[in-house]
Amino acid sequence: MIAQEKELAADKAEADRTSAEGQRRAALAVPQGKDELAREALRRKRDSDENSRVYSEQLAAQQQTVSRLKNQLQDLENKLDQMES
């Protein structure tokens, strides 16, 4: 579960980087009159923004799950300690 959380965080970071790169490419293409290239860069940015949003939602859910599981594990360890004493 924790590995999945880290993987989602990495995926979100990659989507954010791709989005920023799309924005940068579009900004460079417009002054050069390369409108089609700028449109394509903005399409990729939009797609990356959507992916980032989805990864953010999944990451938040995963973080809640991991936190809940850690709390449950702590509760079980406490019960085990009580039974052993």
N, C-alpha and C. Protein backbone atom coordinates (compact mmCIF):
# COMPACT_ATOMS: atom_id res chain seq x y z
N MET A 1 0.81 -1.19 0.00
CA MET A 1 0.00 0.00 0.00
C MET A 1 0.87 1.27 0.00
N ILE A 2 1.91 1.27 0.79
CA ILE A 2 2.78 2.44 0.84
C ILE A 2 3.52 2.59 -0.47
N ALA A 3 3.90 1.48 -1.09
CA ALA A 3 4.57 1.54 -2.39
C ALA A 3 3.65 2.14 -3.44
N GLN A 4 2.37 1.78 -3.39
CA GLN A 4 1.40 2.34 -4.34
C GLN A 4 1.25 3.85 -4.12
N GLU A 5 1.30 4.26 -2.86
CA GLU A 5 1.21 5.68 -2.54
C GLU A 5 2.39 6.43 -3.17
N LYS A 6 3.58 5.87 -3.03
CA LYS A 6 4.77 6.51 -3.61
C LYS A 6 4.70 6.53 -5.14
N GLU A 7 4.17 5.46 -5.72
CA GLU A 7 4.04 5.39 -7.17
C GLU A 7 3.05 6.44 -7.68
N LEU A 8 1.94 6.60 -6.99
CA LEU A 8 0.97 7.62 -7.37
C LEU A 8 1.56 9.02 -7.25
N ALA A 9 2.33 9.26 -6.21
CA ALA A 9 2.97 10.56 -6.04
C ALA A 9 3.95 10.83 -7.19
N ALA A 10 4.69 9.81 -7.59
CA ALA A 10 5.62 9.96 -8.71
C ALA A 10 4.87 10.20 -10.02
N ASP A 11 3.77 9.49 -10.22
CA ASP A 11 2.96 9.68 -11.42
C ASP A 11 2.39 11.10 -11.48
N LYS A 12 1.93 11.60 -10.34
CA LYS A 12 1.39 12.96 -10.30
C LYS A 12 2.49 13.98 -10.60
N ALA A 13 3.66 13.77 -10.02
CA ALA A 13 4.77 14.69 -10.27
C ALA A 13 5.15 14.69 -11.75
N GLU A 14 5.14 13.53 -12.38
CA GLU A 14 5.45 13.44 -13.81
C GLU A 14 4.39 14.16 -14.64
N ALA A 15 3.13 14.00 -14.28
CA ALA A 15 2.06 14.70 -15.00
C ALA A 15 2.20 16.22 -14.84
N ASP A 16 2.59 16.65 -13.65
CA ASP A 16 2.81 18.08 -13.42
C ASP A 16 3.97 18.61 -14.26
N ARG A 17 5.04 17.82 -14.35
CA ARG A 17 6.18 18.23 -15.18
C ARG A 17 5.79 18.29 -16.66
N THR A 18 5.03 17.32 -17.11
CA THR A 18 4.59 17.28 -18.50
C THR A 18 3.68 18.48 -18.80
N SER A 19 2.83 18.83 -17.85
CA SER A 19 1.95 19.98 -18.01
C SER A 19 2.77 21.26 -18.15
N ALA A 20 3.74 21.42 -17.28
CA ALA A 20 4.60 22.62 -17.32
C ALA A 20 5.37 22.68 -18.64
N GLU A 21 5.83 21.54 -19.11
CA GLU A 21 6.56 21.50 -20.38
C GLU A 21 5.64 21.88 -21.54
N GLY A 22 4.39 21.41 -21.50
CA GLY A 22 3.43 21.80 -22.54
C GLY A 22 3.18 23.30 -22.55
N GLN A 23 3.05 23.87 -21.36
CA GLN A 23 2.86 25.32 -21.24
C GLN A 23 4.07 26.06 -21.81
N ARG A 24 5.26 25.59 -21.48
CA ARG A 24 6.48 26.23 -21.96
C ARG A 24 6.57 26.16 -23.49
N ARG A 25 6.28 24.98 -24.05
CA ARG A 25 6.36 24.81 -25.50
C ARG A 25 5.34 25.69 -26.22
N ALA A 26 4.15 25.78 -25.67
CA ALA A 26 3.13 26.62 -26.28
C ALA A 26 3.58 28.08 -26.27
N ALA A 27 4.13 28.51 -25.14
CA ALA A 27 4.59 29.89 -25.02
C ALA A 27 5.72 30.19 -26.01
N LEU A 28 6.55 29.21 -26.31
CA LEU A 28 7.62 29.41 -27.27
C LEU A 28 7.12 29.38 -28.71
N ALA A 29 6.09 28.59 -28.97
CA ALA A 29 5.59 28.43 -30.34
C ALA A 29 4.80 29.64 -30.82
N VAL A 30 4.04 30.27 -29.95
CA VAL A 30 3.17 31.38 -30.35
C VAL A 30 3.95 32.53 -30.97
N PRO A 31 5.00 33.04 -30.34
CA PRO A 31 5.72 34.16 -30.96
C PRO A 31 6.36 33.81 -32.31
N GLN A 32 6.58 32.53 -32.53
CA GLN A 32 7.18 32.11 -33.79
C GLN A 32 6.13 31.87 -34.87
N GLY A 33 4.87 32.07 -34.52
CA GLY A 33 3.79 31.89 -35.48
C GLY A 33 3.44 30.43 -35.72
N LYS A 34 3.87 29.55 -34.85
CA LYS A 34 3.61 28.11 -35.00
C LYS A 34 2.36 27.76 -34.18
N ASP A 35 1.23 28.23 -34.69
CA ASP A 35 -0.02 28.08 -33.95
C ASP A 35 -0.43 26.63 -33.77
N GLU A 36 -0.25 25.81 -34.80
CA GLU A 36 -0.65 24.40 -34.68
C GLU A 36 0.21 23.69 -33.63
N LEU A 37 1.48 24.01 -33.60
CA LEU A 37 2.37 23.44 -32.58
C LEU A 37 1.95 23.90 -31.18
N ALA A 38 1.57 25.16 -31.07
CA ALA A 38 1.10 25.70 -29.79
C ALA A 38 -0.18 25.00 -29.35
N ARG A 39 -1.11 24.78 -30.29
CA ARG A 39 -2.36 24.10 -29.96
C ARG A 39 -2.09 22.68 -29.46
N GLU A 40 -1.19 21.99 -30.15
CA GLU A 40 -0.86 20.62 -29.74
C GLU A 40 -0.22 20.61 -28.35
N ALA A 41 0.65 21.56 -28.09
CA ALA A 41 1.28 21.65 -26.77
C ALA A 41 0.23 21.92 -25.69
N LEU A 42 -0.74 22.77 -26.01
CA LEU A 42 -1.80 23.06 -25.03
C LEU A 42 -2.73 21.87 -24.84
N ARG A 43 -2.95 21.10 -25.89
CA ARG A 43 -3.75 19.87 -25.75
C ARG A 43 -3.05 18.90 -24.80
N ARG A 44 -1.74 18.76 -25.00
CA ARG A 44 -0.97 17.87 -24.12
C ARG A 44 -0.96 18.38 -22.69
N LYS A 45 -0.87 19.70 -22.54
CA LYS A 45 -0.93 20.29 -21.20
C LYS A 45 -2.27 19.98 -20.54
N ARG A 46 -3.35 20.16 -21.29
CA ARG A 46 -4.69 19.88 -20.76
C ARG A 46 -4.81 18.42 -20.33
N ASP A 47 -4.32 17.52 -21.17
CA ASP A 47 -4.36 16.09 -20.83
C ASP A 47 -3.54 15.81 -19.57
N SER A 48 -2.38 16.42 -19.48
CA SER A 48 -1.52 16.23 -18.31
C SER A 48 -2.17 16.81 -17.05
N ASP A 49 -2.84 17.94 -17.20
CA ASP A 49 -3.55 18.54 -16.06
C ASP A 49 -4.65 17.60 -15.57
N GLU A 50 -5.36 16.98 -16.51
CA GLU A 50 -6.42 16.04 -16.13
C GLU A 50 -5.82 14.82 -15.44
N ASN A 51 -4.73 14.30 -15.99
CA ASN A 51 -4.06 13.16 -15.35
C ASN A 51 -3.60 13.53 -13.94
N SER A 52 -3.05 14.70 -13.79
CA SER A 52 -2.59 15.16 -12.48
C SER A 52 -3.74 15.23 -11.49
N ARG A 53 -4.90 15.72 -11.95
CA ARG A 53 -6.07 15.81 -11.09
C ARG A 53 -6.51 14.42 -10.63
N VAL A 54 -6.53 13.47 -11.57
CA VAL A 54 -6.93 12.11 -11.23
C VAL A 54 -5.93 11.49 -10.25
N TYR A 55 -4.64 11.68 -10.53
CA TYR A 55 -3.63 11.16 -9.61
C TYR A 55 -3.76 11.78 -8.23
N SER A 56 -4.09 13.06 -8.16
CA SER A 56 -4.26 13.72 -6.86
C SER A 56 -5.40 13.08 -6.06
N GLU A 57 -6.50 12.80 -6.76
CA GLU A 57 -7.63 12.17 -6.09
C GLU A 57 -7.26 10.77 -5.60
N GLN A 58 -6.59 10.01 -6.47
CA GLN A 58 -6.19 8.66 -6.09
C GLN A 58 -5.18 8.68 -4.95
N LEU A 59 -4.26 9.64 -5.00
CA LEU A 59 -3.26 9.75 -3.95
C LEU A 59 -3.90 10.08 -2.61
N ALA A 60 -4.87 10.98 -2.61
CA ALA A 60 -5.55 11.33 -1.37
C ALA A 60 -6.27 10.10 -0.79
N ALA A 61 -6.93 9.35 -1.65
CA ALA A 61 -7.63 8.15 -1.19
C ALA A 61 -6.62 7.12 -0.66
N GLN A 62 -5.52 6.98 -1.34
CA GLN A 62 -4.50 6.02 -0.93
C GLN A 62 -3.89 6.43 0.41
N GLN A 63 -3.65 7.72 0.59
CA GLN A 63 -3.09 8.20 1.85
C GLN A 63 -4.05 7.93 3.01
N GLN A 64 -5.34 8.10 2.77
CA GLN A 64 -6.32 7.81 3.81
C GLN A 64 -6.32 6.32 4.16
N THR A 65 -6.23 5.49 3.12
CA THR A 65 -6.21 4.04 3.34
C THR A 65 -4.98 3.63 4.13
N VAL A 66 -3.83 4.15 3.76
CA VAL A 66 -2.59 3.82 4.46
C VAL A 66 -2.66 4.28 5.91
N SER A 67 -3.18 5.47 6.13
CA SER A 67 -3.31 5.98 7.49
C SER A 67 -4.24 5.09 8.32
N ARG A 68 -5.37 4.71 7.74
CA ARG A 68 -6.31 3.85 8.44
C ARG A 68 -5.67 2.50 8.78
N LEU A 69 -4.94 1.93 7.82
CA LEU A 69 -4.28 0.64 8.06
C LEU A 69 -3.21 0.74 9.14
N LYS A 70 -2.47 1.84 9.15
CA LYS A 70 -1.46 2.03 10.19
C LYS A 70 -2.11 2.13 11.56
N ASN A 71 -3.24 2.84 11.63
CA ASN A 71 -3.96 2.95 12.90
C ASN A 71 -4.49 1.60 13.36
N GLN A 72 -5.01 0.82 12.43
CA GLN A 72 -5.51 -0.51 12.77
C GLN A 72 -4.37 -1.40 13.24
N LEU A 73 -3.23 -1.31 12.61
CA LEU A 73 -2.07 -2.10 13.02
C LEU A 73 -1.64 -1.70 14.43
N GLN A 74 -1.63 -0.41 14.70
CA GLN A 74 -1.26 0.05 16.05
C GLN A 74 -2.24 -0.47 17.09
N ASP A 75 -3.52 -0.45 16.75
CA ASP A 75 -4.54 -0.97 17.67
C ASP A 75 -4.31 -2.46 17.95
N LEU A 76 -4.03 -3.21 16.91
CA LEU A 76 -3.78 -4.64 17.08
C LEU A 76 -2.53 -4.90 17.92
N GLU A 77 -1.49 -4.12 17.70
CA GLU A 77 -0.27 -4.27 18.49
C GLU A 77 -0.54 -3.94 19.96
N ASN A 78 -1.35 -2.92 20.20
CA ASN A 78 -1.70 -2.56 21.58
C ASN A 78 -2.49 -3.69 22.25
N LYS A 79 -3.41 -4.29 21.52
CA LYS A 79 -4.19 -5.41 22.07
C LYS A 79 -3.30 -6.61 22.35
N LEU A 80 -2.37 -6.86 21.47
CA LEU A 80 -1.42 -7.96 21.68
C LEU A 80 -0.58 -7.71 22.93
N ASP A 81 -0.10 -6.49 23.09
CA ASP A 81 0.68 -6.15 24.28
C ASP A 81 -0.14 -6.34 25.56
N GLN A 82 -1.41 -5.97 25.52
CA GLN A 82 -2.29 -6.15 26.68
C GLN A 82 -2.49 -7.61 26.99
N MET A 83 -2.64 -8.42 25.97
CA MET A 83 -2.85 -9.86 26.18
C MET A 83 -1.60 -10.54 26.73
N GLU A 84 -0.43 -10.05 26.34
CA GLU A 84 0.83 -10.64 26.80
C GLU A 84 1.17 -10.23 28.22
N SER A 85 0.58 -9.12 28.71
CA SER A 85 0.92 -8.68 30.06
C SER A 85 0.04 -9.29 31.10
